[in-house]
Structures are given as structure tokens and as C-alpha cells.
Amino acid sequence: MSSPFTNPMGRAPEAAQAYVRSILELLGDADPLDVQSRTAAELRSLAGGLEPARLERPEADGKWSVGQVVRHLADSELVCAWRLRIVIAQDRPQVTGYDQDAWSAKLGGAYPDVAAAMALFETVRRANLHLLRSLPRSDWQRAGMHVERGPESVELMAKLYAGHDLVHLRQIRRILG
């Protein structure tokens, strides 16, 4: 049985909804923008001073390393930037999913090192938070149609990305033991 926090592409709608529920339960009543605003510093605190060999040591066979998690967070923040902008600017656009494992396997070379992935994450996250904080409350209800999960508002996306941060920060702590 896979973790409810895994999100492979092409899962049945019930599994996609279980993923959403798990993420939202983990976030609880926390303010999603507060969570998101703290993630970069927490990432730096956990992984910033680690030796490259430690960063690239996977948790176990078939599991990600801290470096892969950081690169995934950078990739995910790029996806978030696109999703937020398309949903805010267009009427009920289609929001595509992506295969995070394929991105990890095929796009890891986009980052010369983990520090570069962290820097990209921080820059794009700052821009995304600025965008979200600039929106009138009415725009938080604008929604796109996620191809696997159905309608997702800007408000729901903010919560999902905050919960996603918590999942991966917890994962990094577990990897580092």
C-alpha cells in the first residue's frame, strides 16, 4: 500500500481525492501563506550545510534523497507558479498534472547542485507569495479544472502547496534521521 501523500500521475479519482484529503488534514488550521513563507528557511536549516554525498544518499532503495526532494520542491514551485497564473488570468482553464518521478529522473540535471535548486525554490516561492498576497479576496475563489482532481480554486491550491511543503519537510527530517 502506498502512502496517502504520494501523488503519482494517472491515479484513480478516488486515490487523487485521498491525496488531497491527506494533505489538507496535515495542514489542518494552519495559515497556508504562513506555512509557505517559512518553508525556504526550514529547507536551508535542514539541508543547507550538508555534504553533497549526504544530500544524494537515498532514504532507501527506490526512495528519494534529500537532494531529490529539494529539486522536486523547486520543480513543484515552478508548476505552482504556472497553475496560479493560468487560473487567475483565465476562466476555468484546464490544469494538467505531471509525473513527479519522471521529472525527478529526467530533469534533475536542470540544477547544477542542490543549492541552485534551493535558490530557485526561494525566488519562485517569493514571487508566488507576493502574487497571492496581492489578490483581492474574490480571486481566491477562481478555479481551474485539474485533469485528475477536478475543480481547484486558488485558495485550495494555496492550501495544497502548503501541505505539500509539510509533507516534504517531514520527509527530509525522516531521511536525515
C-alpha atoms as a PDB file:
ATOM      1  CA  MET A   1       0.000   0.000   0.000  1.00  0.00           C
ATOM      2  CA  SER A   2       1.368   3.402  -0.916  1.00  0.00           C
ATOM      3  CA  SER A   3       1.391   6.415   1.344  1.00  0.00           C
ATOM      4  CA  PRO A   4      -1.599   8.754   1.060  1.00  0.00           C
ATOM      5  CA  PHE A   5       0.974  11.502   0.483  1.00  0.00           C
ATOM      6  CA  THR A   6       2.268  10.018  -2.769  1.00  0.00           C
ATOM      7  CA  ASN A   7       0.854  11.579  -5.882  1.00  0.00           C
ATOM      8  CA  PRO A   8       1.772   9.522  -8.947  1.00  0.00           C
ATOM      9  CA  MET A   9       0.238  10.671 -12.189  1.00  0.00           C
ATOM     10  CA  GLY A  10      -2.761   8.813 -13.568  1.00  0.00           C
ATOM     11  CA  ARG A  11      -4.212   7.503 -10.314  1.00  0.00           C
ATOM     12  CA  ALA A  12      -7.901   6.771  -9.989  1.00  0.00           C
ATOM     13  CA  PRO A  13     -10.018   9.782  -8.958  1.00  0.00           C
ATOM     14  CA  GLU A  14     -10.608   8.216  -5.528  1.00  0.00           C
ATOM     15  CA  ALA A  15      -6.860   7.994  -4.921  1.00  0.00           C
ATOM     16  CA  ALA A  16      -6.375  11.587  -6.066  1.00  0.00           C
ATOM     17  CA  GLN A  17      -9.068  12.727  -3.636  1.00  0.00           C
ATOM     18  CA  ALA A  18      -7.458  10.689  -0.829  1.00  0.00           C
ATOM     19  CA  TYR A  19      -4.204  12.534  -1.562  1.00  0.00           C
ATOM     20  CA  VAL A  20      -5.977  15.908  -1.308  1.00  0.00           C
ATOM     21  CA  ARG A  21      -7.669  14.913   1.967  1.00  0.00           C
ATOM     22  CA  SER A  22      -4.361  13.740   3.452  1.00  0.00           C
ATOM     23  CA  ILE A  23      -2.601  16.966   2.518  1.00  0.00           C
ATOM     24  CA  LEU A  24      -5.404  19.136   3.901  1.00  0.00           C
ATOM     25  CA  GLU A  25      -5.547  17.113   7.125  1.00  0.00           C
ATOM     26  CA  LEU A  26      -1.800  17.567   7.598  1.00  0.00           C
ATOM     27  CA  LEU A  27      -2.146  21.333   7.084  1.00  0.00           C
ATOM     28  CA  GLY A  28      -5.080  21.499   9.488  1.00  0.00           C
ATOM     29  CA  ASP A  29      -5.982  25.038  10.528  1.00  0.00           C
ATOM     30  CA  ALA A  30      -2.550  26.478   9.763  1.00  0.00           C
ATOM     31  CA  ASP A  31      -2.478  29.551   7.546  1.00  0.00           C
ATOM     32  CA  PRO A  32      -1.198  28.324   4.168  1.00  0.00           C
ATOM     33  CA  LEU A  33       0.711  31.519   3.416  1.00  0.00           C
ATOM     34  CA  ASP A  34       2.435  31.423   6.809  1.00  0.00           C
ATOM     35  CA  VAL A  35       3.469  27.812   6.197  1.00  0.00           C
ATOM     36  CA  GLN A  36       4.701  28.624   2.705  1.00  0.00           C
ATOM     37  CA  SER A  37       6.609  31.686   3.908  1.00  0.00           C
ATOM     38  CA  ARG A  38       8.598  29.567   6.399  1.00  0.00           C
ATOM     39  CA  THR A  39       9.478  26.658   4.105  1.00  0.00           C
ATOM     40  CA  ALA A  40      12.603  28.093   2.432  1.00  0.00           C
ATOM     41  CA  ALA A  41      14.246  28.871   5.784  1.00  0.00           C
ATOM     42  CA  GLU A  42      13.370  25.423   7.090  1.00  0.00           C
ATOM     43  CA  LEU A  43      14.826  23.833   3.948  1.00  0.00           C
ATOM     44  CA  ARG A  44      18.051  25.808   4.383  1.00  0.00           C
ATOM     45  CA  SER A  45      18.213  24.848   8.054  1.00  0.00           C
ATOM     46  CA  LEU A  46      17.765  21.154   7.296  1.00  0.00           C
ATOM     47  CA  ALA A  47      19.786  20.755   4.119  1.00  0.00           C
ATOM     48  CA  GLY A  48      21.848  23.892   3.593  1.00  0.00           C
ATOM     49  CA  GLY A  49      25.094  22.693   5.145  1.00  0.00           C
ATOM     50  CA  LEU A  50      25.024  19.030   4.203  1.00  0.00           C
ATOM     51  CA  GLU A  51      27.844  17.455   2.231  1.00  0.00           C
ATOM     52  CA  PRO A  52      26.921  16.517  -1.361  1.00  0.00           C
ATOM     53  CA  ALA A  53      27.229  12.786  -0.624  1.00  0.00           C
ATOM     54  CA  ARG A  54      24.765  13.113   2.264  1.00  0.00           C
ATOM     55  CA  LEU A  55      22.363  15.145   0.131  1.00  0.00           C
ATOM     56  CA  GLU A  56      22.297  12.466  -2.569  1.00  0.00           C
ATOM     57  CA  ARG A  57      22.019   9.403  -0.316  1.00  0.00           C
ATOM     58  CA  PRO A  58      18.503   7.986  -0.792  1.00  0.00           C
ATOM     59  CA  GLU A  59      16.372   7.140   2.196  1.00  0.00           C
ATOM     60  CA  ALA A  60      16.194   3.531   0.933  1.00  0.00           C
ATOM     61  CA  ASP A  61      16.216   1.679  -2.368  1.00  0.00           C
ATOM     62  CA  GLY A  62      13.623   3.258  -4.647  1.00  0.00           C
ATOM     63  CA  LYS A  63      13.203   6.281  -2.356  1.00  0.00           C
ATOM     64  CA  TRP A  64      14.329   9.857  -2.865  1.00  0.00           C
ATOM     65  CA  SER A  65      17.348  11.564  -1.335  1.00  0.00           C
ATOM     66  CA  VAL A  66      17.250  14.968   0.348  1.00  0.00           C
ATOM     67  CA  GLY A  67      18.671  16.442  -2.861  1.00  0.00           C
ATOM     68  CA  GLN A  68      15.898  14.900  -4.944  1.00  0.00           C
ATOM     69  CA  VAL A  69      13.283  16.260  -2.536  1.00  0.00           C
ATOM     70  CA  VAL A  70      14.772  19.761  -2.770  1.00  0.00           C
ATOM     71  CA  ARG A  71      14.868  19.572  -6.584  1.00  0.00           C
ATOM     72  CA  HIS A  72      11.260  18.304  -6.542  1.00  0.00           C
ATOM     73  CA  LEU A  73      10.217  21.274  -4.409  1.00  0.00           C
ATOM     74  CA  ALA A  74      11.873  23.639  -6.895  1.00  0.00           C
ATOM     75  CA  ASP A  75      10.107  21.924  -9.810  1.00  0.00           C
ATOM     76  CA  SER A  76       6.833  21.915  -7.902  1.00  0.00           C
ATOM     77  CA  GLU A  77       7.105  25.635  -7.210  1.00  0.00           C
ATOM     78  CA  LEU A  78       7.566  26.283 -10.931  1.00  0.00           C
ATOM     79  CA  VAL A  79       4.414  24.245 -11.582  1.00  0.00           C
ATOM     80  CA  CYS A  80       2.611  26.190  -8.849  1.00  0.00           C
ATOM     81  CA  ALA A  81       3.635  29.472 -10.477  1.00  0.00           C
ATOM     82  CA  TRP A  82       2.159  28.379 -13.798  1.00  0.00           C
ATOM     83  CA  ARG A  83      -1.019  26.967 -12.247  1.00  0.00           C
ATOM     84  CA  LEU A  84      -1.721  30.057 -10.161  1.00  0.00           C
ATOM     85  CA  ARG A  85      -1.198  32.388 -13.072  1.00  0.00           C
ATOM     86  CA  ILE A  86      -3.321  30.441 -15.529  1.00  0.00           C
ATOM     87  CA  VAL A  87      -6.185  30.096 -13.024  1.00  0.00           C
ATOM     88  CA  ILE A  88      -6.067  33.764 -12.021  1.00  0.00           C
ATOM     89  CA  ALA A  89      -5.834  35.072 -15.584  1.00  0.00           C
ATOM     90  CA  GLN A  90      -8.154  32.695 -17.485  1.00  0.00           C
ATOM     91  CA  ASP A  91     -11.676  31.403 -16.934  1.00  0.00           C
ATOM     92  CA  ARG A  92     -11.705  27.814 -15.628  1.00  0.00           C
ATOM     93  CA  PRO A  93      -8.617  26.639 -17.529  1.00  0.00           C
ATOM     94  CA  GLN A  94      -7.530  23.037 -17.631  1.00  0.00           C
ATOM     95  CA  VAL A  95      -4.792  22.356 -15.081  1.00  0.00           C
ATOM     96  CA  THR A  96      -2.570  19.466 -16.058  1.00  0.00           C
ATOM     97  CA  GLY A  97      -0.866  17.048 -13.737  1.00  0.00           C
ATOM     98  CA  TYR A  98       2.745  15.966 -14.028  1.00  0.00           C
ATOM     99  CA  ASP A  99       4.698  12.834 -13.227  1.00  0.00           C
ATOM    100  CA  GLN A 100       6.936  13.859 -10.328  1.00  0.00           C
ATOM    101  CA  ASP A 101       9.022  10.687 -10.584  1.00  0.00           C
ATOM    102  CA  ALA A 102       9.679  11.249 -14.294  1.00  0.00           C
ATOM    103  CA  TRP A 103      10.581  14.870 -13.593  1.00  0.00           C
ATOM    104  CA  SER A 104      12.986  13.733 -10.870  1.00  0.00           C
ATOM    105  CA  ALA A 105      14.571  11.111 -13.130  1.00  0.00           C
ATOM    106  CA  LYS A 106      14.783  13.202 -16.291  1.00  0.00           C
ATOM    107  CA  LEU A 107      15.095  16.824 -15.147  1.00  0.00           C
ATOM    108  CA  GLY A 108      17.433  16.638 -12.158  1.00  0.00           C
ATOM    109  CA  GLY A 109      20.202  17.957 -14.384  1.00  0.00           C
ATOM    110  CA  ALA A 110      18.386  21.286 -14.568  1.00  0.00           C
ATOM    111  CA  TYR A 111      20.117  22.142 -11.299  1.00  0.00           C
ATOM    112  CA  PRO A 112      23.910  22.259 -11.077  1.00  0.00           C
ATOM    113  CA  ASP A 113      23.592  21.426  -7.381  1.00  0.00           C
ATOM    114  CA  VAL A 114      21.117  21.405  -4.502  1.00  0.00           C
ATOM    115  CA  ALA A 115      21.989  24.993  -3.590  1.00  0.00           C
ATOM    116  CA  ALA A 116      20.830  26.094  -7.052  1.00  0.00           C
ATOM    117  CA  ALA A 117      17.547  24.210  -6.589  1.00  0.00           C
ATOM    118  CA  MET A 118      17.062  25.884  -3.198  1.00  0.00           C
ATOM    119  CA  ALA A 119      17.779  29.299  -4.704  1.00  0.00           C
ATOM    120  CA  LEU A 120      15.241  28.735  -7.478  1.00  0.00           C
ATOM    121  CA  PHE A 121      12.667  27.487  -4.956  1.00  0.00           C
ATOM    122  CA  GLU A 122      13.188  30.592  -2.804  1.00  0.00           C
ATOM    123  CA  THR A 123      12.918  33.002  -5.736  1.00  0.00           C
ATOM    124  CA  VAL A 124       9.802  31.480  -7.270  1.00  0.00           C
ATOM    125  CA  ARG A 125       8.174  30.990  -3.844  1.00  0.00           C
ATOM    126  CA  ARG A 126       8.741  34.653  -3.009  1.00  0.00           C
ATOM    127  CA  ALA A 127       7.096  35.645  -6.311  1.00  0.00           C
ATOM    128  CA  ASN A 128       4.173  33.289  -5.742  1.00  0.00           C
ATOM    129  CA  LEU A 129       3.594  34.588  -2.224  1.00  0.00           C
ATOM    130  CA  HIS A 130       3.736  38.173  -3.474  1.00  0.00           C
ATOM    131  CA  LEU A 131       1.145  37.309  -6.127  1.00  0.00           C
ATOM    132  CA  LEU A 132      -1.165  35.589  -3.627  1.00  0.00           C
ATOM    133  CA  ARG A 133      -0.918  38.444  -1.122  1.00  0.00           C
ATOM    134  CA  SER A 134      -1.748  40.950  -3.858  1.00  0.00           C
ATOM    135  CA  LEU A 135      -5.018  39.263  -4.876  1.00  0.00           C
ATOM    136  CA  PRO A 136      -8.423  40.582  -3.906  1.00  0.00           C
ATOM    137  CA  ARG A 137     -10.325  38.038  -1.818  1.00  0.00           C
ATOM    138  CA  SER A 138     -12.673  37.345  -4.750  1.00  0.00           C
ATOM    139  CA  ASP A 139      -9.803  35.988  -6.853  1.00  0.00           C
ATOM    140  CA  TRP A 140      -9.122  33.297  -4.251  1.00  0.00           C
ATOM    141  CA  GLN A 141     -12.274  31.556  -5.499  1.00  0.00           C
ATOM    142  CA  ARG A 142     -11.174  31.476  -9.151  1.00  0.00           C
ATOM    143  CA  ALA A 143     -10.752  27.854 -10.169  1.00  0.00           C
ATOM    144  CA  GLY A 144      -9.206  25.684 -12.799  1.00  0.00           C
ATOM    145  CA  MET A 145     -10.132  22.117 -13.702  1.00  0.00           C
ATOM    146  CA  HIS A 146      -7.338  19.803 -12.616  1.00  0.00           C
ATOM    147  CA  VAL A 147      -7.350  16.855 -15.009  1.00  0.00           C
ATOM    148  CA  GLU A 148      -7.059  14.320 -12.152  1.00  0.00           C
ATOM    149  CA  ARG A 149      -8.629  16.070  -9.170  1.00  0.00           C
ATOM    150  CA  GLY A 150     -11.386  18.237 -10.633  1.00  0.00           C
ATOM    151  CA  PRO A 151     -12.039  21.887  -9.715  1.00  0.00           C
ATOM    152  CA  GLU A 152      -9.274  23.580  -7.735  1.00  0.00           C
ATOM    153  CA  SER A 153      -9.552  27.164  -6.561  1.00  0.00           C
ATOM    154  CA  VAL A 154      -6.628  29.445  -5.852  1.00  0.00           C
ATOM    155  CA  GLU A 155      -7.494  29.051  -2.165  1.00  0.00           C
ATOM    156  CA  LEU A 156      -7.357  25.253  -2.399  1.00  0.00           C
ATOM    157  CA  MET A 157      -4.105  25.392  -4.359  1.00  0.00           C
ATOM    158  CA  ALA A 158      -2.526  27.592  -1.660  1.00  0.00           C
ATOM    159  CA  LYS A 159      -3.540  25.033   0.964  1.00  0.00           C
ATOM    160  CA  LEU A 160      -2.323  22.085  -1.107  1.00  0.00           C
ATOM    161  CA  TYR A 161       1.080  23.641  -1.722  1.00  0.00           C
ATOM    162  CA  ALA A 162       1.448  24.481   1.983  1.00  0.00           C
ATOM    163  CA  GLY A 163       0.540  20.917   2.956  1.00  0.00           C
ATOM    164  CA  HIS A 164       2.893  19.639   0.263  1.00  0.00           C
ATOM    165  CA  ASP A 165       5.684  21.643   1.926  1.00  0.00           C
ATOM    166  CA  LEU A 166       4.906  19.989   5.266  1.00  0.00           C
ATOM    167  CA  VAL A 167       4.971  16.518   3.707  1.00  0.00           C
ATOM    168  CA  HIS A 168       8.390  17.074   2.190  1.00  0.00           C
ATOM    169  CA  LEU A 169       9.898  18.815   5.211  1.00  0.00           C
ATOM    170  CA  ARG A 170       8.794  15.824   7.264  1.00  0.00           C
ATOM    171  CA  GLN A 171      10.287  13.522   4.610  1.00  0.00           C
ATOM    172  CA  ILE A 172      13.638  15.344   4.780  1.00  0.00           C
ATOM    173  CA  ARG A 173      13.684  15.061   8.580  1.00  0.00           C
ATOM    174  CA  ARG A 174      12.971  11.342   8.279  1.00  0.00           C
ATOM    175  CA  ILE A 175      15.738  10.841   5.680  1.00  0.00           C
ATOM    176  CA  LEU A 176      18.240  12.671   7.877  1.00  0.00           C
ATOM    177  CA  GLY A 177      17.124  10.584  10.848  1.00  0.00           C
END
